[in-house]
Amino acid sequence: MIVIAAKVSVRKILACVLAAGTVLTGAAVLLPADAQPAAAASENMRLDVKLRTNEQRVALLRDCGWEVIEEPRGEREVQIPEEFDEVYQSYNQIQLAQGLDLTPCRGKRATLYTYEITNHPSGEQGVTANLLVRRGKLIAADVSSPQADGFVHGLREHPSEPQDTP
């Protein structure tokens, strides 16, 4: 039987714990991003990417699961109102739910890009994705129906197909 005796101080134990923590943190940071499961990556997809080009805007829409006609249906400058009425407050609730917020942009100008979606689960024609961009940054986004009584929802929401009722 061999017995090994070692004098261990609290400092040595603490140093070992800190070293192990540093190694584990470094390994987690250095792991490739595609090592994450695809579902988790899609769920955590961020909307705060740079959107300076049409290709970047189309890529964002595709990352959200939407197939779109690559050329925007519309592009125009808009003025965000200083005071939000009930409609703007309701619209901003959609934005807040997806991690965006229009309130810091009150009274500012932005560019609205509109893309036609070709794969909306409702099957409705003319559904559009609207991206409101200021200084290359997405400040608001939605998917909307062209119908007067249609829907408006967030960019990452994919409502299920309507049920047929007999």
Protein backbone atom coordinates (compact mmCIF):
# COMPACT_ATOMS: atom_id res chain seq x y z
CA MET A 1 0.00 0.00 0.00
CA ILE A 2 1.39 3.39 -0.98
CA VAL A 3 0.24 6.51 0.83
CA ILE A 4 0.86 9.94 -0.60
CA ALA A 5 0.48 12.91 1.67
CA ALA A 6 0.12 16.43 0.32
CA LYS A 7 -0.33 19.69 2.07
CA VAL A 8 -3.18 21.52 0.33
CA SER A 9 -4.06 25.04 1.19
CA VAL A 10 -7.32 26.88 0.52
CA ARG A 11 -5.42 29.11 -1.96
CA LYS A 12 -4.31 26.10 -4.01
CA ILE A 13 -7.85 24.70 -4.11
CA LEU A 14 -9.27 28.09 -5.12
CA ALA A 15 -6.59 28.48 -7.81
CA CYS A 16 -7.44 25.04 -9.25
CA VAL A 17 -11.18 25.80 -9.28
CA LEU A 18 -10.60 29.14 -11.01
CA ALA A 19 -8.26 27.54 -13.56
CA ALA A 20 -10.81 24.82 -14.34
CA GLY A 21 -13.56 27.42 -14.72
CA THR A 22 -11.41 29.46 -17.09
CA VAL A 23 -10.65 26.40 -19.22
CA LEU A 24 -14.33 25.42 -19.42
CA THR A 25 -15.41 28.97 -20.28
CA GLY A 26 -12.75 29.19 -22.98
CA ALA A 27 -13.82 25.87 -24.46
CA ALA A 28 -17.47 26.97 -24.55
CA VAL A 29 -16.57 30.21 -26.33
CA LEU A 30 -14.36 28.46 -28.88
CA LEU A 31 -16.93 25.80 -29.83
CA PRO A 32 -18.19 26.39 -33.37
CA ALA A 33 -21.57 28.11 -33.58
CA ASP A 34 -22.98 25.34 -35.78
CA ALA A 35 -22.44 22.85 -32.94
CA GLN A 36 -25.71 24.11 -31.47
CA PRO A 37 -28.84 22.22 -32.48
CA ALA A 38 -30.62 23.84 -35.42
CA ALA A 39 -33.88 24.26 -33.50
CA ALA A 40 -32.14 26.11 -30.68
CA ALA A 41 -30.30 28.33 -33.14
CA SER A 42 -33.57 29.16 -34.90
CA GLU A 43 -35.31 29.86 -31.60
CA ASN A 44 -32.53 32.18 -30.46
CA MET A 45 -32.20 33.91 -33.84
CA ARG A 46 -31.63 37.58 -33.22
CA LEU A 47 -33.16 40.43 -35.13
CA ASP A 48 -30.35 42.89 -34.36
CA VAL A 49 -28.24 42.08 -37.42
CA LYS A 50 -27.01 44.71 -39.88
CA LEU A 51 -29.39 45.21 -42.79
CA ARG A 52 -27.56 47.53 -45.17
CA THR A 53 -28.14 45.50 -48.36
CA ASN A 54 -31.04 43.74 -50.03
CA GLU A 55 -29.19 40.43 -49.67
CA GLN A 56 -28.94 40.91 -45.89
CA ARG A 57 -32.66 41.72 -45.63
CA VAL A 58 -33.66 38.69 -47.72
CA ALA A 59 -31.30 36.47 -45.66
CA LEU A 60 -32.95 37.66 -42.43
CA LEU A 61 -36.41 36.84 -43.78
CA ARG A 62 -35.24 33.39 -44.88
CA ASP A 63 -33.62 32.80 -41.48
CA CYS A 64 -37.05 33.49 -39.98
CA GLY A 65 -38.55 30.79 -42.22
CA TRP A 66 -40.11 32.99 -44.90
CA GLU A 67 -39.66 32.53 -48.63
CA VAL A 68 -39.88 35.89 -50.36
CA ILE A 69 -39.60 37.41 -53.81
CA GLU A 70 -36.07 38.79 -53.65
CA GLU A 71 -36.78 42.23 -55.04
CA PRO A 72 -38.72 44.36 -52.55
CA ARG A 73 -42.27 45.22 -53.55
CA GLY A 74 -41.73 48.64 -52.02
CA GLU A 75 -39.07 50.85 -50.48
CA ARG A 76 -39.95 54.22 -48.98
CA GLU A 77 -38.91 56.63 -46.30
CA VAL A 78 -41.34 56.98 -43.40
CA GLN A 79 -41.62 59.29 -40.41
CA ILE A 80 -42.24 57.63 -37.06
CA PRO A 81 -44.63 59.84 -35.06
CA GLU A 82 -43.50 61.67 -31.91
CA GLU A 83 -46.60 60.48 -30.02
CA PHE A 84 -47.97 56.96 -30.45
CA ASP A 85 -51.71 56.59 -30.86
CA GLU A 86 -53.51 53.34 -29.98
CA VAL A 87 -52.55 51.73 -33.31
CA TYR A 88 -48.84 52.50 -32.87
CA GLN A 89 -48.93 51.35 -29.25
CA SER A 90 -50.49 48.06 -30.34
CA TYR A 91 -47.94 47.71 -33.16
CA ASN A 92 -45.09 48.38 -30.72
CA GLN A 93 -46.39 45.57 -28.49
CA ILE A 94 -45.72 43.20 -31.41
CA GLN A 95 -42.23 44.68 -31.67
CA LEU A 96 -41.53 44.37 -27.95
CA ALA A 97 -42.58 40.70 -28.06
CA GLN A 98 -39.88 40.03 -30.65
CA GLY A 99 -37.15 42.04 -28.95
CA LEU A 100 -37.52 45.29 -30.90
CA ASP A 101 -38.77 48.69 -29.70
CA LEU A 102 -39.94 51.69 -31.69
CA THR A 103 -40.08 54.15 -28.79
CA PRO A 104 -36.41 55.30 -29.04
CA CYS A 105 -37.11 56.20 -32.69
CA ARG A 106 -40.08 58.51 -32.10
CA GLY A 107 -39.94 61.48 -34.44
CA LYS A 108 -37.18 59.89 -36.55
CA ARG A 109 -37.11 58.82 -40.18
CA ALA A 110 -36.58 55.24 -41.31
CA THR A 111 -36.83 53.21 -44.50
CA LEU A 112 -39.66 50.71 -44.91
CA TYR A 113 -38.87 47.69 -47.10
CA THR A 114 -41.78 45.48 -48.14
CA TYR A 115 -41.27 41.93 -49.45
CA GLU A 116 -43.91 39.56 -50.77
CA ILE A 117 -44.03 36.25 -48.87
CA THR A 118 -44.70 33.17 -50.96
CA ASN A 119 -45.02 30.52 -48.22
CA HIS A 120 -47.44 31.89 -45.62
CA PRO A 121 -49.33 28.98 -44.00
CA SER A 122 -52.68 30.69 -44.59
CA GLY A 123 -52.21 30.28 -48.35
CA GLU A 124 -53.37 33.87 -48.73
CA GLN A 125 -51.89 35.73 -51.70
CA GLY A 126 -50.18 39.09 -51.27
CA VAL A 127 -48.94 38.54 -47.69
CA THR A 128 -45.98 40.83 -47.03
CA ALA A 129 -43.05 41.09 -44.67
CA ASN A 130 -42.31 44.67 -43.65
CA LEU A 131 -38.86 45.65 -42.38
CA LEU A 132 -38.42 49.11 -40.88
CA VAL A 133 -34.70 49.97 -40.95
CA ARG A 134 -32.89 52.97 -39.51
CA ARG A 135 -29.15 53.44 -40.05
CA GLY A 136 -28.77 49.82 -41.16
CA LYS A 137 -30.50 48.46 -38.05
CA LEU A 138 -33.89 46.75 -37.88
CA ILE A 139 -36.21 48.74 -35.61
CA ALA A 140 -39.54 47.06 -36.44
CA ALA A 141 -40.79 44.11 -38.48
CA ASP A 142 -44.06 42.39 -39.19
CA VAL A 143 -45.89 39.99 -41.48
CA SER A 144 -49.25 41.27 -42.66
CA SER A 145 -52.24 40.41 -44.78
CA PRO A 146 -53.36 42.73 -47.57
CA GLN A 147 -56.99 42.36 -46.45
CA ALA A 148 -58.61 45.21 -44.52
CA ASP A 149 -59.64 42.78 -41.77
CA GLY A 150 -56.48 40.69 -42.13
CA PHE A 151 -53.71 39.79 -39.72
CA VAL A 152 -50.51 41.40 -38.53
CA HIS A 153 -48.00 39.35 -36.56
CA GLY A 154 -44.32 39.26 -35.68
CA LEU A 155 -41.62 38.18 -38.06
CA ARG A 156 -40.89 34.89 -36.30
CA GLU A 157 -44.48 33.81 -35.80
CA HIS A 158 -45.65 31.07 -38.14
CA PRO A 159 -49.36 30.58 -37.48
CA SER A 160 -50.58 27.09 -38.25
CA GLU A 161 -52.65 26.51 -41.32
CA PRO A 162 -56.36 27.21 -40.88
CA GLN A 163 -58.52 24.22 -40.06
CA ASP A 164 -61.20 23.27 -42.56
CA THR A 165 -64.57 23.03 -40.92
CA PRO A 166 -67.27 20.79 -42.44
